[in-house]
């Protein structure tokens, strides 16, 4: 059985209140509550959650505008239709009422048929809105189920990858931390960041279709033929992911993760911005993984030097600098206590650079150990305006 529409009427004149209630009840089946003030009406609303509120503007205590503003601020009542009754015809007052959140107004004196017509029209709209709200709730529930199923699929893929590819979960976790850092620095959209996170977790998924002896081999023991075969894992990853609609953009990132910035990579020899952003990030991560595989306890400063040697060739200089910044800030012991990371604007003559200074394009401005002078700082500022220094400048703390 359909619930009867609930209407609350606030009117400080008892006879006006009675006539309005009778006019509405005459030809319609409503539940009507009457109140002689805004305060009383608000108490009724708290108990009944009405479909429509009809309120006189001019009442003692709170007027109709103030009453409307309170209703619209209440999360439980903000969707209730609010109709103002007023004897005033001034356009300014009508506009003010609508600005407070009122949905309509009726001028006094009013005709009973007009009031009923307005109320019935809003009830039809309210019924449609309630239907839409119910549909949205069902859609949210279905989306939540789909999202949970999707996360389950990704987790299953990660588990399969870990079973087939030694230490894949460790590398995926390391890649995801780097992605989190870069997503913040680049102010990516939620969708872009989500795609990058999934790409980080699944970047080796293509290896699950390769022979055990190949994926389990130590990189130092790989022959040239092994390397060529293993190098097909990005394409195999794309083929696995492309049948999952939500992961199609992730599949593209996986396909191009071994493209080189200068166009010498594979499979499609894309270069520079032709390569998807996520793929350019994964290319640097691949370089870090290769270094870890060859020297698990290697010198991190040596790793930085090896990566920088290939910037502009294998690696996008901008992505490389952001990842080096992550390594410096997050890797324990990589930044000694006597080193500071400063913005270009904080540099002072006499400071000494602790690391090489590179611009966004990969141009090396200064070597580690350079003593900053006023002239050098002006030169840094000039380059920074045209070719930003993304990660700041590392300097030794004076007197440390």
Protein backbone atom coordinates (compact mmCIF):
# COMPACT_ATOMS: atom_id res chain seq x y z
CA UNK A 1 0.00 0.00 0.00
CA UNK A 2 1.31 3.42 -0.97
CA UNK A 3 2.10 5.76 1.90
CA UNK A 4 -0.11 8.85 2.08
CA UNK A 5 1.71 12.11 1.30
CA UNK A 6 2.57 14.10 4.43
CA UNK A 7 2.18 17.88 4.39
CA UNK A 8 3.15 20.30 7.15
CA UNK A 9 1.51 23.74 7.13
CA UNK A 10 2.98 26.60 9.19
CA UNK A 11 0.70 29.62 9.52
CA UNK A 12 0.34 31.91 12.55
CA UNK A 13 -3.27 32.90 11.74
CA UNK A 14 -5.50 30.05 13.03
CA UNK A 15 -8.34 30.67 10.56
CA UNK A 16 -5.95 30.89 7.60
CA UNK A 17 -4.33 27.67 8.78
CA UNK A 18 -7.67 25.88 9.05
CA UNK A 19 -8.91 27.06 5.63
CA UNK A 20 -5.67 25.97 3.95
CA UNK A 21 -5.78 22.53 5.60
CA UNK A 22 -9.43 22.06 4.61
CA UNK A 23 -8.74 23.17 1.03
CA UNK A 24 -6.00 20.58 0.66
CA UNK A 25 -7.95 17.81 2.35
CA UNK A 26 -11.15 18.48 0.41
CA UNK A 27 -10.26 16.55 -2.78
CA UNK A 28 -7.03 14.78 -1.85
CA UNK A 29 -5.98 12.07 0.56
CA UNK A 30 -3.16 13.72 2.50
CA UNK A 31 -1.85 13.47 6.04
CA UNK A 32 -1.81 17.11 7.12
CA UNK A 33 -0.06 18.53 10.21
CA UNK A 34 -0.79 22.10 11.30
CA UNK A 35 1.58 24.42 13.17
CA UNK A 36 1.16 28.01 14.36
CA UNK A 37 4.90 28.80 14.24
CA UNK A 38 8.08 27.77 12.50
CA UNK A 39 9.41 26.28 15.75
CA UNK A 40 6.35 24.06 16.14
CA UNK A 41 6.50 23.06 12.46
CA UNK A 42 10.17 22.10 12.78
CA UNK A 43 9.33 19.79 15.71
CA UNK A 44 6.62 18.13 13.60
CA UNK A 45 9.04 17.73 10.69
CA UNK A 46 11.54 15.98 12.94
CA UNK A 47 8.88 13.40 13.83
CA UNK A 48 7.21 12.92 10.45
CA UNK A 49 9.69 13.77 7.63
CA UNK A 50 7.06 15.37 5.37
CA UNK A 51 6.91 15.42 1.60
CA UNK A 52 5.93 19.10 1.40
CA UNK A 53 6.13 22.06 3.77
CA UNK A 54 3.88 25.07 3.21
CA UNK A 55 4.93 28.04 5.32
CA UNK A 56 3.73 31.61 5.68
CA UNK A 57 6.51 34.17 5.36
CA UNK A 58 5.37 36.54 8.12
CA UNK A 59 5.24 34.71 11.45
CA UNK A 60 6.28 35.62 15.00
CA UNK A 61 9.66 34.28 16.03
CA UNK A 62 11.30 32.74 12.97
CA UNK A 63 9.91 33.95 9.67
CA UNK A 64 9.38 31.72 6.65
CA UNK A 65 12.81 32.47 5.16
CA UNK A 66 14.60 31.49 8.36
CA UNK A 67 12.46 28.38 8.68
CA UNK A 68 13.25 27.40 5.07
CA UNK A 69 16.99 27.92 5.61
CA UNK A 70 16.90 25.59 8.65
CA UNK A 71 15.02 22.92 6.73
CA UNK A 72 17.46 23.01 3.80
CA UNK A 73 20.45 22.72 6.17
CA UNK A 74 19.02 19.57 7.76
CA UNK A 75 20.28 16.45 5.87
CA UNK A 76 17.04 14.62 6.76
CA UNK A 77 14.81 17.41 5.38
CA UNK A 78 16.78 19.07 2.58
CA UNK A 79 14.88 17.12 -0.12
CA UNK A 80 11.46 18.18 1.22
CA UNK A 81 9.66 20.61 -1.10
CA UNK A 82 9.19 23.99 0.53
CA UNK A 83 6.43 26.39 -0.58
CA UNK A 84 6.29 29.92 0.80
CA UNK A 85 3.02 31.76 1.38
CA UNK A 86 3.31 35.51 1.24
CA UNK A 87 1.06 38.48 0.84
CA UNK A 88 3.95 40.48 -0.58
CA UNK A 89 4.35 40.97 -4.30
CA UNK A 90 7.82 42.56 -4.20
CA UNK A 91 10.15 40.81 -6.61
CA UNK A 92 13.08 41.26 -4.20
CA UNK A 93 11.32 39.29 -1.46
CA UNK A 94 10.30 36.53 -3.84
CA UNK A 95 13.88 36.22 -5.07
CA UNK A 96 15.18 36.24 -1.50
CA UNK A 97 12.83 33.39 -0.61
CA UNK A 98 13.93 31.31 -3.57
CA UNK A 99 17.57 32.05 -2.74
CA UNK A 100 17.11 30.57 0.74
CA UNK A 101 16.11 27.29 -0.91
CA UNK A 102 12.34 27.61 -1.29
CA UNK A 103 11.05 25.60 -4.23
CA UNK A 104 8.03 27.76 -5.00
CA UNK A 105 5.82 30.52 -3.59
CA UNK A 106 2.10 31.30 -3.52
CA UNK A 107 0.84 34.84 -2.95
CA UNK A 108 -2.00 35.56 -0.56
CA UNK A 109 -4.94 35.58 -0.86
CA UNK A 110 -4.80 32.25 -2.66
CA UNK A 111 -7.36 30.11 -4.41
CA UNK A 112 -7.84 26.57 -3.02
CA UNK A 113 -7.62 25.03 -6.51
CA UNK A 114 -4.27 26.77 -7.11
CA UNK A 115 -2.86 25.46 -3.83
CA UNK A 116 -4.04 21.90 -4.56
CA UNK A 117 -2.66 22.10 -8.09
CA UNK A 118 0.76 23.26 -6.89
CA UNK A 119 0.89 20.62 -4.18
CA UNK A 120 -0.12 17.79 -6.55
CA UNK A 121 2.48 18.94 -9.09
CA UNK A 122 5.24 18.83 -6.46
CA UNK A 123 4.05 15.44 -5.22
CA UNK A 124 4.42 14.07 -8.75
CA UNK A 125 7.93 15.48 -8.91
CA UNK A 126 8.68 14.08 -5.44
CA UNK A 127 7.50 10.63 -6.50
CA UNK A 128 9.80 10.73 -9.53
CA UNK A 129 12.71 11.90 -7.39
CA UNK A 130 12.09 9.14 -4.85
CA UNK A 131 12.12 6.61 -7.69
CA UNK A 132 15.41 8.03 -8.98
CA UNK A 133 16.88 7.93 -5.45
CA UNK A 134 15.86 4.28 -5.07
CA UNK A 135 17.36 3.47 -8.47
CA UNK A 136 20.57 5.28 -7.50
CA UNK A 137 20.81 3.30 -4.26
CA UNK A 138 20.41 0.06 -6.19
CA UNK A 139 22.98 1.24 -8.71
CA UNK A 140 25.43 2.13 -5.91
CA UNK A 141 24.93 -1.32 -4.42
CA UNK A 142 25.55 -2.99 -7.78
CA UNK A 143 28.61 -0.81 -8.37
CA UNK A 144 29.96 -1.75 -4.94
CA UNK A 145 29.48 -5.43 -5.78
CA UNK A 146 31.18 -4.96 -9.15
CA UNK A 147 34.07 -3.07 -7.54
CA UNK A 148 34.49 -5.82 -4.95
CA UNK A 149 34.46 -8.45 -7.71
CA UNK A 150 36.95 -6.43 -9.72
CA UNK A 151 39.32 -6.11 -6.75
CA UNK A 152 38.96 -9.85 -6.26
CA UNK A 153 39.99 -10.45 -9.88
CA UNK A 154 43.05 -8.20 -9.49
CA UNK A 155 44.01 -9.95 -6.25
CA UNK A 156 43.63 -13.34 -7.97
CA UNK A 157 45.86 -12.18 -10.84
CA UNK A 158 48.46 -10.95 -8.36
CA UNK A 159 48.35 -14.30 -6.52
CA UNK A 160 48.80 -16.19 -9.79
CA UNK A 161 51.68 -13.94 -10.70
CA UNK A 162 53.37 -14.55 -7.34
CA UNK A 163 53.00 -18.33 -7.78
CA UNK A 164 54.62 -18.26 -11.21
CA UNK A 165 57.10 -15.37 -10.97
CA UNK A 166 59.55 -15.37 -8.03
CA UNK A 167 59.37 -12.23 -5.83
CA UNK A 168 56.78 -10.59 -8.11
CA UNK A 169 54.70 -9.34 -5.15
CA UNK A 170 57.76 -7.67 -3.60
CA UNK A 171 58.51 -5.81 -6.83
CA UNK A 172 54.84 -4.90 -7.27
CA UNK A 173 54.70 -3.41 -3.77
CA UNK A 174 57.89 -1.42 -4.44
CA UNK A 175 56.46 -0.15 -7.74
CA UNK A 176 53.18 0.84 -6.09
CA UNK A 177 54.99 2.96 -3.50
CA UNK A 178 56.78 4.82 -6.27
CA UNK A 179 53.48 5.30 -8.12
CA UNK A 180 51.85 6.75 -4.99
CA UNK A 181 54.65 9.31 -4.68
CA UNK A 182 54.48 10.31 -8.35
CA UNK A 183 50.66 10.47 -8.44
CA UNK A 184 50.76 13.08 -5.69
CA UNK A 185 53.51 15.09 -7.34
CA UNK A 186 51.74 15.14 -10.72
CA UNK A 187 48.27 15.88 -9.27
CA UNK A 188 46.71 13.08 -11.34
CA UNK A 189 42.98 12.47 -11.52
CA UNK A 190 41.55 9.60 -9.46
CA UNK A 191 41.12 7.52 -12.62
CA UNK A 192 44.69 8.17 -13.81
CA UNK A 193 46.11 7.34 -10.38
CA UNK A 194 43.97 4.19 -10.17
CA UNK A 195 45.20 2.98 -13.57
CA UNK A 196 48.80 3.58 -12.51
CA UNK A 197 48.33 1.64 -9.27
CA UNK A 198 46.86 -1.34 -11.11
CA UNK A 199 49.63 -1.15 -13.70
CA UNK A 200 52.22 -1.17 -10.88
CA UNK A 201 50.64 -4.20 -9.23
CA UNK A 202 50.28 -6.11 -12.50
CA UNK A 203 53.28 -4.93 -14.51
CA UNK A 204 54.83 -8.43 -14.63
CA UNK A 205 51.57 -10.30 -15.30
CA UNK A 206 52.70 -11.21 -18.83
CA UNK A 207 55.40 -13.45 -17.37
CA UNK A 208 52.85 -15.99 -16.05
CA UNK A 209 52.44 -17.32 -19.61
CA UNK A 210 56.18 -17.98 -19.99
CA UNK A 211 58.08 -21.21 -19.21
CA UNK A 212 59.07 -21.80 -15.57
CA UNK A 213 62.75 -22.18 -16.36
CA UNK A 214 62.78 -18.75 -17.98
CA UNK A 215 60.98 -16.66 -15.31
CA UNK A 216 62.84 -18.40 -12.48
CA UNK A 217 66.30 -17.76 -13.95
CA UNK A 218 68.64 -15.29 -12.30
CA UNK A 219 68.96 -12.26 -14.63
CA UNK A 220 72.74 -12.69 -14.58
CA UNK A 221 72.32 -16.16 -16.14
CA UNK A 222 70.05 -15.15 -19.01
CA UNK A 223 71.32 -15.77 -22.53
CA UNK A 224 70.59 -13.36 -25.37
CA UNK A 225 67.87 -15.72 -26.61
CA UNK A 226 66.38 -15.84 -23.09
CA UNK A 227 66.37 -12.04 -22.92
CA UNK A 228 64.59 -11.76 -26.26
CA UNK A 229 61.92 -14.23 -25.23
CA UNK A 230 61.49 -12.68 -21.79
CA UNK A 231 61.25 -9.27 -23.44
CA UNK A 232 57.85 -10.26 -24.84
CA UNK A 233 56.19 -10.11 -21.43
CA UNK A 234 54.71 -6.57 -21.96
CA UNK A 235 52.75 -7.74 -25.03
CA UNK A 236 51.61 -10.88 -23.23
CA UNK A 237 50.49 -8.72 -20.31
CA UNK A 238 48.43 -6.55 -22.62
CA UNK A 239 46.81 -9.61 -24.22
CA UNK A 240 45.81 -10.92 -20.79
CA UNK A 241 44.38 -7.56 -19.63
CA UNK A 242 42.61 -6.34 -22.74
CA UNK A 243 39.66 -8.71 -22.26
CA UNK A 244 38.85 -7.03 -18.93
CA UNK A 245 37.04 -3.80 -19.96
CA UNK A 246 37.98 -1.87 -16.81
CA UNK A 247 41.64 -2.67 -17.37
CA UNK A 248 41.91 -1.72 -21.07
CA UNK A 249 43.80 1.50 -20.30
CA UNK A 250 46.02 -0.46 -17.90
CA UNK A 251 46.68 -2.97 -20.69
CA UNK A 252 48.00 -0.16 -22.89
CA UNK A 253 50.36 0.98 -20.12
CA UNK A 254 51.66 -2.58 -19.76
CA UNK A 255 52.24 -2.96 -23.51
CA UNK A 256 54.53 0.06 -23.69
CA UNK A 257 56.42 -0.29 -20.38
CA UNK A 258 59.67 -1.20 -22.17
CA UNK A 259 59.56 1.60 -24.75
CA UNK A 260 62.62 3.84 -24.53
CA UNK A 261 62.25 7.61 -24.35
CA UNK A 262 64.40 8.05 -27.47
CA UNK A 263 62.33 5.60 -29.54
CA UNK A 264 64.70 2.63 -29.43
CA UNK A 265 62.56 0.42 -27.20
CA UNK A 266 59.88 -2.17 -27.94
CA UNK A 267 57.40 -3.32 -29.04
CA UNK A 268 56.36 -0.26 -31.10
CA UNK A 269 59.38 2.08 -30.89
CA UNK A 270 57.29 4.94 -29.53
CA UNK A 271 59.21 7.96 -28.27
CA UNK A 272 58.80 10.79 -25.78
CA UNK A 273 55.13 11.77 -25.18
CA UNK A 274 53.90 9.09 -27.60
CA UNK A 275 54.62 6.68 -24.75
CA UNK A 276 51.81 6.61 -22.13
CA UNK A 277 52.75 8.38 -18.91
CA UNK A 278 52.35 5.20 -16.87
CA UNK A 279 54.61 3.31 -19.26
CA UNK A 280 57.32 5.96 -18.91
CA UNK A 281 57.17 5.56 -15.14
CA UNK A 282 57.29 1.77 -15.34
CA UNK A 283 60.33 2.04 -17.64
CA UNK A 284 62.29 3.72 -14.84
CA UNK A 285 60.99 1.15 -12.35
CA UNK A 286 62.23 -1.60 -14.69
CA UNK A 287 65.69 -0.04 -14.53
CA UNK A 288 65.56 -0.08 -10.72
CA UNK A 289 64.40 -3.71 -10.72
CA UNK A 290 67.21 -4.71 -13.07
CA UNK A 291 69.75 -3.03 -10.78
CA UNK A 292 68.31 -4.76 -7.72
CA UNK A 293 68.40 -8.13 -9.50
CA UNK A 294 72.07 -7.72 -10.37
CA UNK A 295 73.09 -6.20 -7.04
CA UNK A 296 70.41 -6.61 -4.29
CA UNK A 297 72.49 -4.70 -1.72
CA UNK A 298 74.00 -2.22 -4.12
CA UNK A 299 74.97 1.37 -3.42
CA UNK A 300 71.94 3.62 -3.89
CA UNK A 301 74.09 6.49 -5.03
CA UNK A 302 75.54 4.21 -7.70
CA UNK A 303 71.96 3.30 -8.69
CA UNK A 304 71.12 6.98 -9.09
CA UNK A 305 74.21 7.53 -11.24
CA UNK A 306 73.33 4.53 -13.45
CA UNK A 307 69.79 5.78 -13.94
CA UNK A 308 70.86 9.35 -14.74
CA UNK A 309 73.32 8.02 -17.33
CA UNK A 310 70.32 6.73 -19.32
CA UNK A 311 68.00 9.73 -18.90
CA UNK A 312 66.72 11.02 -22.19
CA UNK A 313 67.69 7.68 -23.71
CA UNK A 314 65.77 5.01 -21.80
CA UNK A 315 64.01 7.26 -19.32
CA UNK A 316 61.80 10.34 -19.42
CA UNK A 317 63.97 12.89 -17.55
CA UNK A 318 60.99 14.31 -15.70
CA UNK A 319 59.74 10.92 -14.45
CA UNK A 320 63.32 9.91 -13.60
CA UNK A 321 63.86 13.01 -11.45
CA UNK A 322 60.60 12.38 -9.56
CA UNK A 323 61.59 8.78 -8.88
CA UNK A 324 65.09 9.78 -7.78
CA UNK A 325 63.44 12.27 -5.43
CA UNK A 326 61.39 9.38 -4.03
CA UNK A 327 64.49 7.23 -3.58
CA UNK A 328 66.28 10.06 -1.78
CA UNK A 329 63.41 10.84 0.56
CA UNK A 330 62.10 7.34 1.27
CA UNK A 331 65.14 5.07 1.25
CA UNK A 332 66.59 4.88 4.72
CA UNK A 333 70.04 6.37 4.95
CA UNK A 334 70.05 7.73 1.41
CA UNK A 335 69.82 11.33 2.60
CA UNK A 336 72.41 11.89 5.35
CA UNK A 337 71.48 14.06 8.33
CA UNK A 338 73.74 16.81 7.05
CA UNK A 339 71.90 17.20 3.70
CA UNK A 340 68.86 19.40 3.03
CA UNK A 341 66.44 19.46 0.09
CA UNK A 342 65.67 23.10 -0.77
CA UNK A 343 63.55 24.92 -3.34
CA UNK A 344 65.31 27.14 -5.85
CA UNK A 345 64.05 30.20 -3.97
CA UNK A 346 65.75 29.07 -0.73
CA UNK A 347 69.28 28.87 -2.14
CA UNK A 348 71.92 31.14 -0.58
CA UNK A 349 75.44 31.91 -1.75
CA UNK A 350 78.02 29.75 0.02
CA UNK A 351 75.91 26.57 0.05
CA UNK A 352 77.44 23.43 -1.46
CA UNK A 353 75.40 21.04 -3.66
CA UNK A 354 75.17 17.49 -2.29
CA UNK A 355 73.91 15.96 -5.57
CA UNK A 356 74.01 16.81 -9.25
CA UNK A 357 71.28 19.30 -10.24
CA UNK A 358 69.09 18.46 -13.25
CA UNK A 359 66.27 20.33 -14.97
CA UNK A 360 62.96 18.80 -16.05
CA UNK A 361 64.32 18.11 -19.55
CA UNK A 362 67.29 16.23 -18.10
CA UNK A 363 69.89 18.97 -18.57
CA UNK A 364 72.62 18.84 -15.93
CA UNK A 365 73.08 22.33 -14.45
CA UNK A 366 75.52 21.65 -11.63
CA UNK A 367 77.68 18.85 -10.31
CA UNK A 368 77.70 17.66 -6.72
CA UNK A 369 80.17 19.66 -4.65
CA UNK A 370 79.55 22.99 -6.44
CA UNK A 371 79.84 26.04 -4.17
CA UNK A 372 76.92 28.34 -4.95
CA UNK A 373 77.65 31.97 -5.77
CA UNK A 374 75.21 34.80 -6.46
CA UNK A 375 75.91 34.42 -10.18
CA UNK A 376 75.30 30.66 -10.12
CA UNK A 377 72.04 31.14 -8.20
CA UNK A 378 70.83 33.71 -10.77
CA UNK A 379 71.66 31.22 -13.51
CA UNK A 380 69.69 28.51 -11.67
CA UNK A 381 66.69 30.85 -11.39
CA UNK A 382 66.87 31.67 -15.10
CA UNK A 383 66.91 28.01 -16.11
CA UNK A 384 64.18 27.18 -13.58
CA UNK A 385 61.81 29.65 -15.27
CA UNK A 386 62.18 27.93 -18.66
CA UNK A 387 63.02 24.35 -17.66
CA UNK A 388 61.93 23.70 -14.03
CA UNK A 389 64.04 21.87 -11.46
CA UNK A 390 61.29 19.54 -10.27
CA UNK A 391 62.77 18.06 -7.13
CA UNK A 392 64.64 21.03 -5.70
CA UNK A 393 68.34 21.23 -4.89
CA UNK A 394 70.14 19.09 -2.32
CA UNK A 395 72.78 21.00 -0.33
CA UNK A 396 74.99 20.30 2.64
CA UNK A 397 74.00 21.92 5.92
CA UNK A 398 76.59 24.57 6.64
CA UNK A 399 78.61 23.94 9.76
CA UNK A 400 77.43 20.31 10.03
